[in-house]
Amino acid sequence: MSFCQKCGAQLTEGSKFCTNCGALVTAQPQPVAPPPHPHLTPPYLAEVFVVTTPTVPGYRISRVLGIVTGMSARTRGVGGKFVAGIQSMVGGEVSAFTYEIEKAKSEALQRVKEQARQMGANAVIGLDMESSDLQGIIIISASGTAVIIEPEPST
């Protein structure tokens, strides 16, 4: 699918002129793929790469896009609270709550990645995750900086 460079109208396949504004349709240059890299897939990473550090070893930050955040609030149902109550009497890990915390963490991280992807980023640096409890509701928030990274040139 192509669009007129002058007015933005959708063009039909093989048209030489825009039916909306009459502009001459010119062949658009094909994007050039980045050089292959053993650990990367164009446009450098197949998925948004997330790190807690301010840099990614072996890569340089070519553009900072902004702050991204993700949050998840979860609670256990009546059955889960009952199981957790029994587990807390016996002692040890309360797996009912551990499961909810892990799920909330995963959801918050996925939301950070999705927001970064929508901004055009291929990485998030400086990820910070925080948790809190609000009257039995587990809240996990994640934030970081969306960036575009490129492999450092080989020497």
Protein backbone atom coordinates (compact mmCIF):
# COMPACT_ATOMS: atom_id res chain seq x y z
CA MET A 1 0.00 0.00 0.00
CA SER A 2 1.38 3.43 -0.92
CA PHE A 3 0.31 7.01 -0.33
CA CYS A 4 0.67 10.26 -2.25
CA GLN A 5 3.68 12.22 -1.04
CA LYS A 6 1.87 15.52 -1.69
CA CYS A 7 -1.63 15.02 -0.19
CA GLY A 8 -1.37 11.68 1.65
CA ALA A 9 -4.19 9.99 -0.27
CA GLN A 10 -4.04 6.23 -0.70
CA LEU A 11 -2.82 5.24 -4.17
CA THR A 12 -3.97 2.31 -6.23
CA GLU A 13 -1.40 -0.28 -7.29
CA GLY A 14 0.60 0.88 -10.36
CA SER A 15 -0.94 4.37 -10.56
CA LYS A 16 1.21 7.10 -12.11
CA PHE A 17 -0.85 10.04 -10.83
CA CYS A 18 -2.72 10.69 -7.57
CA THR A 19 -6.48 10.56 -8.16
CA ASN A 20 -7.00 13.10 -5.34
CA CYS A 21 -4.56 15.91 -6.20
CA GLY A 22 -3.13 14.85 -9.58
CA ALA A 23 0.48 14.75 -8.37
CA LEU A 24 2.94 12.58 -10.27
CA VAL A 25 3.63 9.37 -8.34
CA THR A 26 7.33 8.68 -8.03
CA ALA A 27 8.93 5.43 -6.99
CA GLN A 28 9.69 5.51 -3.29
CA PRO A 29 13.12 4.27 -2.28
CA GLN A 30 13.15 1.01 -0.34
CA PRO A 31 14.49 1.26 3.23
CA VAL A 32 18.00 -0.03 3.69
CA ALA A 33 18.33 -2.82 6.25
CA PRO A 34 20.96 -2.39 8.97
CA PRO A 35 24.04 -4.60 8.76
CA PRO A 36 23.55 -8.10 10.18
CA HIS A 37 24.69 -8.66 13.74
CA PRO A 38 24.88 -12.07 15.43
CA HIS A 39 22.69 -11.12 18.40
CA LEU A 40 20.30 -8.77 16.67
CA THR A 41 17.34 -8.86 14.34
CA PRO A 42 16.32 -5.76 12.34
CA PRO A 43 15.56 -3.11 13.44
CA TYR A 44 18.24 -4.36 15.83
CA LEU A 45 16.10 -6.24 18.35
CA ALA A 46 13.10 -8.47 17.73
CA GLU A 47 11.59 -7.48 21.08
CA VAL A 48 12.04 -4.47 23.33
CA PHE A 49 15.19 -5.12 25.36
CA VAL A 50 14.84 -4.10 29.04
CA VAL A 51 17.71 -3.47 31.47
CA THR A 52 18.02 -1.89 34.90
CA THR A 53 21.35 -0.32 33.97
CA PRO A 54 21.78 3.11 32.32
CA THR A 55 23.52 1.57 29.29
CA VAL A 56 23.59 -1.70 27.36
CA PRO A 57 27.09 -3.14 26.89
CA GLY A 58 27.98 -3.47 23.21
CA TYR A 59 25.35 -0.93 22.13
CA ARG A 60 25.18 2.82 21.91
CA ILE A 61 22.08 4.87 22.58
CA SER A 62 21.25 6.70 19.37
CA ARG A 63 18.08 8.36 20.61
CA VAL A 64 16.23 8.91 23.89
CA LEU A 65 12.45 8.86 23.39
CA GLY A 66 11.15 9.45 26.92
CA ILE A 67 9.85 7.89 30.10
CA VAL A 68 7.66 4.80 29.95
CA THR A 69 5.56 3.38 32.79
CA GLY A 70 3.46 0.33 33.52
CA MET A 71 1.31 -0.53 36.51
CA SER A 72 -0.70 -3.50 37.70
CA ALA A 73 -2.99 -3.77 40.71
CA ARG A 74 -4.07 -7.28 41.73
CA THR A 75 -5.94 -8.92 44.59
CA ARG A 76 -6.84 -12.46 45.61
CA GLY A 77 -10.43 -13.67 45.57
CA VAL A 78 -12.15 -15.16 48.61
CA GLY A 79 -10.81 -18.67 47.84
CA GLY A 80 -7.26 -17.38 47.43
CA LYS A 81 -7.46 -15.47 50.70
CA PHE A 82 -8.71 -18.62 52.45
CA VAL A 83 -5.78 -20.69 51.07
CA ALA A 84 -3.35 -17.88 52.00
CA GLY A 85 -4.81 -17.80 55.54
CA ILE A 86 -4.21 -21.54 55.98
CA GLN A 87 -0.67 -21.26 54.54
CA SER A 88 0.14 -18.38 56.88
CA MET A 89 -0.91 -20.48 59.90
CA VAL A 90 1.41 -23.32 58.87
CA GLY A 91 4.31 -20.98 58.03
CA GLY A 92 6.54 -20.64 54.99
CA GLU A 93 5.79 -19.12 51.65
CA VAL A 94 2.25 -17.94 50.96
CA SER A 95 2.11 -19.15 47.36
CA ALA A 96 -1.33 -17.64 46.73
CA PHE A 97 0.12 -14.15 47.15
CA THR A 98 3.44 -14.98 45.47
CA TYR A 99 1.53 -15.96 42.34
CA GLU A 100 -0.36 -12.64 42.30
CA ILE A 101 2.83 -10.63 42.84
CA GLU A 102 4.59 -12.44 39.98
CA LYS A 103 1.59 -11.91 37.70
CA ALA A 104 1.40 -8.20 38.58
CA LYS A 105 5.15 -7.84 37.94
CA SER A 106 4.82 -9.50 34.54
CA GLU A 107 1.84 -7.31 33.57
CA ALA A 108 3.63 -4.09 34.59
CA LEU A 109 6.72 -5.08 32.60
CA GLN A 110 4.63 -5.96 29.52
CA ARG A 111 2.94 -2.55 29.73
CA VAL A 112 6.33 -0.82 29.85
CA LYS A 113 7.47 -2.78 26.77
CA GLU A 114 4.26 -2.03 24.87
CA GLN A 115 4.46 1.69 25.63
CA ALA A 116 8.11 1.73 24.51
CA ARG A 117 7.23 -0.18 21.32
CA GLN A 118 4.49 2.35 20.54
CA MET A 119 7.05 5.15 20.90
CA GLY A 120 9.33 3.39 18.41
CA ALA A 121 11.91 2.23 20.96
CA ASN A 122 13.81 -1.03 20.82
CA ALA A 123 15.06 -0.84 24.42
CA VAL A 124 14.19 0.43 27.89
CA ILE A 125 17.05 1.42 30.16
CA GLY A 126 17.10 2.19 33.88
CA LEU A 127 14.05 0.05 34.66
CA ASP A 128 12.83 0.51 38.22
CA MET A 129 10.08 -1.60 39.77
CA GLU A 130 8.29 -0.76 43.00
CA SER A 131 5.61 -2.56 44.96
CA SER A 132 3.07 -1.49 47.52
CA ASP A 133 0.05 -2.88 49.32
CA LEU A 134 -3.16 -0.92 49.58
CA GLN A 135 -5.72 -2.67 51.80
CA GLY A 136 -4.94 -6.10 50.39
CA ILE A 137 -4.39 -4.92 46.82
CA ILE A 138 -0.89 -5.54 45.48
CA ILE A 139 0.35 -2.70 43.28
CA ILE A 140 3.43 -3.08 41.09
CA SER A 141 4.68 -0.11 39.11
CA ALA A 142 7.53 -0.11 36.62
CA SER A 143 9.23 2.82 34.90
CA GLY A 144 12.22 3.36 32.69
CA THR A 145 13.53 5.34 29.73
CA ALA A 146 12.59 4.31 26.18
CA VAL A 147 15.56 4.49 23.83
CA ILE A 148 16.76 3.36 20.44
CA ILE A 149 20.01 1.42 20.66
CA GLU A 150 22.39 0.38 17.90
CA PRO A 151 25.34 -1.98 18.00
CA GLU A 152 28.66 -0.30 18.60
CA PRO A 153 30.85 -0.41 15.51
CA SER A 154 33.34 -3.28 15.48
CA THR A 155 36.97 -2.27 15.67
